[in-house]
Protein backbone atom coordinates (compact mmCIF):
# COMPACT_ATOMS: atom_id res chain seq x y z
CA MET A 1 161.81 -66.50 14.59
CA SER A 2 163.94 -63.25 14.03
CA GLY A 3 167.53 -62.97 14.61
CA GLY A 4 170.36 -65.38 14.11
CA ALA A 5 173.41 -63.45 13.22
CA PHE A 6 175.10 -64.04 16.49
CA GLN A 7 173.56 -67.23 17.33
CA TYR A 8 171.28 -65.68 20.20
CA ALA A 9 174.16 -64.91 22.23
CA PHE A 10 171.88 -62.65 24.28
CA THR A 11 170.16 -66.01 25.67
CA ARG A 12 173.19 -66.86 27.36
CA VAL A 13 173.50 -63.45 28.93
CA GLN A 14 169.97 -63.76 30.04
CA GLN A 15 170.50 -67.39 31.43
CA PHE A 16 173.47 -66.22 33.33
CA ALA A 17 171.15 -63.28 35.30
CA ASP A 18 168.64 -66.29 35.84
CA ASP A 19 170.93 -68.73 37.30
CA VAL A 20 172.60 -65.75 39.94
CA ARG A 21 168.93 -64.98 40.89
CA GLU A 22 168.25 -68.86 41.36
CA ARG A 23 171.55 -69.23 43.30
CA ILE A 24 170.41 -66.32 45.55
CA ALA A 25 166.96 -67.82 46.06
CA GLU A 26 167.93 -71.29 46.73
CA HIS A 27 171.19 -70.72 48.90
CA PRO A 28 170.46 -67.62 50.76
CA LYS A 29 172.64 -68.50 53.52
CA SER A 30 175.83 -68.82 51.45
CA PHE A 31 176.04 -65.01 50.75
CA SER A 32 176.38 -61.94 53.15
CA GLY A 33 173.74 -59.20 52.78
CA ALA A 34 176.18 -57.20 51.07
CA GLU A 35 177.05 -60.03 48.52
CA VAL A 36 173.31 -60.50 47.78
CA GLU A 37 173.00 -56.96 47.23
CA ARG A 38 175.98 -56.82 44.80
CA LEU A 39 174.74 -59.98 42.88
CA ARG A 40 171.38 -58.69 42.29
CA LEU A 41 172.82 -55.70 40.81
CA LEU A 42 174.99 -57.65 38.40
CA ALA A 43 171.92 -59.72 37.35
CA GLU A 44 169.87 -56.71 36.53
CA HIS A 45 172.73 -55.07 34.58
CA CYS A 46 173.16 -58.54 32.72
CA GLY A 47 169.51 -58.15 32.02
CA VAL A 48 170.12 -54.72 30.27
CA VAL A 49 172.86 -55.96 28.44
CA ALA A 50 171.24 -58.95 27.06
CA ASP A 51 168.23 -56.63 25.82
CA TRP A 52 170.99 -54.56 23.95
CA MET A 53 172.68 -57.71 22.78
CA LYS A 54 169.39 -58.85 21.12
CA ALA A 55 168.71 -55.59 19.74
CA ALA A 56 172.05 -55.65 17.86
CA GLU A 57 171.39 -59.06 16.71
CA TRP A 58 167.83 -58.06 15.09
CA LEU A 59 169.81 -55.08 13.48
CA ALA A 60 172.42 -57.50 12.05
CA SER A 61 169.96 -60.02 11.00
CA GLY A 62 168.10 -57.35 9.13
CA ASP A 63 164.89 -57.39 11.01
CA THR A 64 165.19 -53.99 12.68
CA ASP A 65 166.43 -50.47 11.25
CA GLU A 66 168.81 -47.88 12.17
CA ASP A 67 165.92 -45.82 14.08
CA VAL A 68 164.89 -48.97 16.18
CA PHE A 69 168.31 -50.17 16.84
CA LEU A 70 169.16 -46.51 18.12
CA ARG A 71 166.05 -46.19 20.00
CA ASP A 72 166.31 -49.30 21.79
CA THR A 73 170.14 -48.99 22.74
CA GLN A 74 170.04 -45.37 23.64
CA GLY A 75 170.75 -46.01 27.47
CA LEU A 76 174.11 -47.99 26.35
CA ALA A 77 176.37 -44.93 27.34
CA ARG A 78 174.93 -44.33 30.54
CA ILE A 79 175.61 -48.12 32.28
CA ALA A 80 179.02 -46.83 33.30
CA ALA A 81 177.28 -43.91 35.21
CA VAL A 82 174.47 -46.05 36.58
CA ALA A 83 176.61 -49.11 38.21
CA PRO A 84 178.62 -46.83 40.33
CA ALA A 85 175.71 -44.84 41.38
CA ALA A 86 173.70 -47.99 42.46
CA ALA A 87 177.04 -49.40 44.17
CA THR A 88 177.28 -46.13 46.18
CA GLN A 89 173.39 -46.41 46.94
CA THR A 90 174.01 -50.03 48.30
CA GLN A 91 176.76 -49.05 50.60
CA ARG A 92 174.60 -46.13 52.10
CA ARG A 93 171.77 -48.56 52.55
CA SER A 94 174.10 -51.08 54.52
CA ASP A 95 175.36 -48.34 56.71
CA MET A 96 171.80 -47.49 58.04
CA LYS A 97 170.94 -48.40 61.58
CA PRO A 98 169.17 -51.95 61.94
CA MET A 99 165.96 -50.51 63.11
CA LEU A 100 165.24 -48.92 59.67
CA THR A 101 163.45 -50.91 57.17
CA LYS A 102 163.85 -51.24 53.37
CA ALA A 103 161.03 -50.25 50.87
CA ALA A 104 160.18 -53.24 48.84
CA PRO A 105 160.76 -52.73 45.31
CA HIS A 106 157.81 -53.23 42.63
CA PRO A 107 157.73 -57.06 41.48
CA LEU A 108 157.52 -55.93 38.13
CA TYR A 109 160.06 -53.64 36.63
CA TYR A 110 161.56 -52.69 33.04
CA TYR A 111 164.42 -50.62 31.82
CA ARG A 112 164.33 -47.57 29.58
CA SER A 113 167.38 -45.67 28.71
CA GLY A 114 169.20 -48.04 30.76
CA MET A 115 167.41 -46.89 34.17
CA TRP A 116 165.50 -49.36 36.17
CA ILE A 117 161.58 -48.31 36.53
CA GLY A 118 159.44 -50.31 38.87
CA GLY A 119 155.93 -51.33 37.35
CA PRO A 120 154.85 -52.85 33.91
CA HIS A 121 155.81 -50.58 31.21
CA PRO A 122 153.13 -49.02 28.91
CA GLY A 123 153.26 -51.87 26.19
CA LEU A 124 152.09 -54.41 29.04
CA GLN A 125 148.34 -53.93 29.27
CA GLY A 126 145.59 -55.68 31.19
CA ASN A 127 144.27 -56.77 34.44
CA ILE A 128 147.78 -57.73 35.53
CA HIS A 129 148.13 -60.52 38.32
CA PRO A 130 149.97 -59.34 41.64
CA GLU A 131 152.10 -62.23 41.76
CA LEU A 132 153.63 -61.53 37.94
CA ARG A 133 157.19 -60.37 38.82
CA GLY A 134 160.54 -60.01 37.16
CA ASN A 135 161.95 -58.01 34.12
CA VAL A 136 159.40 -57.41 31.58
CA SER A 137 161.30 -55.02 29.43
CA SER A 138 160.92 -57.23 26.45
CA LEU A 139 157.37 -58.33 26.96
CA TRP A 140 154.26 -56.59 25.35
CA GLY A 141 150.57 -57.36 25.00
CA ASN A 142 147.19 -57.74 26.75
CA VAL A 143 147.86 -60.08 29.68
CA HIS A 144 145.67 -62.86 30.95
CA PRO A 145 144.61 -62.01 34.88
CA GLU A 146 145.80 -65.33 35.62
CA LEU A 147 149.37 -65.16 34.24
CA ARG A 148 151.56 -65.14 37.01
CA GLY A 149 154.98 -65.84 38.14
CA ASP A 150 158.75 -64.62 37.38
CA ALA A 151 158.31 -63.23 33.85
CA THR A 152 162.45 -62.44 33.65
CA GLY A 153 163.71 -64.08 30.52
CA LEU A 154 160.55 -64.01 28.53
CA TRP A 155 160.15 -61.68 25.65
CA GLY A 156 157.59 -61.13 22.68
CA ASP A 157 154.00 -60.44 22.18
CA VAL A 158 151.92 -62.02 25.11
CA HIS A 159 148.78 -64.01 23.90
CA PRO A 160 145.70 -62.66 25.88
CA GLU A 161 144.97 -66.38 26.50
CA LEU A 162 148.49 -67.37 27.86
CA ARG A 163 147.81 -68.17 31.63
CA GLY A 164 149.24 -69.85 34.47
CA ASP A 165 152.72 -69.78 36.48
CA VAL A 166 155.60 -68.79 33.84
CA SER A 167 158.46 -69.02 36.27
CA GLY A 168 160.13 -72.06 34.73
CA LEU A 169 159.92 -70.59 31.14
CA ARG A 170 162.13 -68.55 29.09
CA GLY A 171 162.25 -67.38 25.47
CA GLU A 172 159.92 -66.05 23.01
CA VAL A 173 156.17 -66.31 24.11
CA THR A 174 154.55 -64.71 20.89
CA GLY A 175 151.57 -66.70 19.81
CA LEU A 176 151.63 -69.09 22.70
CA TRP A 177 148.23 -69.68 24.71
CA GLY A 178 147.03 -72.03 27.23
CA ASP A 179 148.09 -72.81 30.94
CA ALA A 180 151.96 -72.81 31.38
CA THR A 181 151.71 -73.79 35.01
CA GLY A 182 154.48 -76.51 35.87
CA LEU A 183 156.10 -76.22 32.35
CA TRP A 184 159.98 -75.27 32.38
CA GLY A 185 162.43 -74.77 29.85
CA ASN A 186 163.55 -72.49 26.81
CA LEU A 187 160.68 -71.84 24.31
CA ASP A 188 163.08 -70.98 21.72
CA ALA A 189 164.53 -74.58 21.47
CA CYS A 190 161.00 -75.87 20.47
CA GLY A 191 161.80 -74.64 16.86
CA ILE A 192 158.30 -72.80 16.75
CA THR A 193 158.14 -71.40 13.40
CA ASP A 194 156.82 -67.88 12.53
CA ALA A 195 153.58 -69.29 10.78
CA GLU A 196 152.78 -71.36 13.81
CA ARG A 197 153.13 -68.53 16.23
CA GLU A 198 150.94 -66.45 13.81
CA ALA A 199 148.17 -69.16 14.05
CA GLY A 200 148.52 -69.74 17.92
CA VAL A 201 150.27 -72.42 19.57
CA ASP A 202 148.89 -74.20 22.79
CA VAL A 203 151.91 -74.70 25.19
CA ALA A 204 150.48 -78.09 26.25
CA THR A 205 151.67 -79.49 22.79
CA LEU A 206 155.27 -78.33 23.32
CA VAL A 207 155.75 -80.60 26.33
CA ARG A 208 158.21 -83.37 25.66
CA SER A 209 156.86 -86.80 25.41
CA GLU A 210 158.46 -89.15 28.19
CA PRO A 211 160.10 -92.32 26.41
């Protein structure tokens, strides 16, 4: 596994973003419409910051060079401009008359130069399941048509035989294959080596045995 210079601090930011989304989903009546909009905006920006933190960690760990780092973080200076603009748009939407409807965002999205873009990015290919959703900024590869669920918090090279619902997983998916339905937890905590990822790992073998 790559990185390590900053003890994978980016994963904690990713987890915070996931926790915010989960809290909204599980307790929707605890927040007003304006609060939900702002919390979702916070979670989206945390996802961007986590991507930049990961890029910094890979650079400091010697896994990438200056060109890659500058390419992956070129939108960093724009976040200050993006956030107020998004907040203004949120206020404008809240001022609209109730009879107007809100267009549903694309279930898949990614960030380029700090900007939100709906749909799978060019590095994610294949017959993508309509129920695959979330932030796929850090995923690439040929996707199995049965891969579905919320992919936010996952990163790496998607194995063409990784399938099922990945909603409960986070961490690096490189080299993993098999049915992920019903599994949850941090894949990075499984201690998968680079050699094992290269050979391929069945996700079923990562399930913790009950005592």
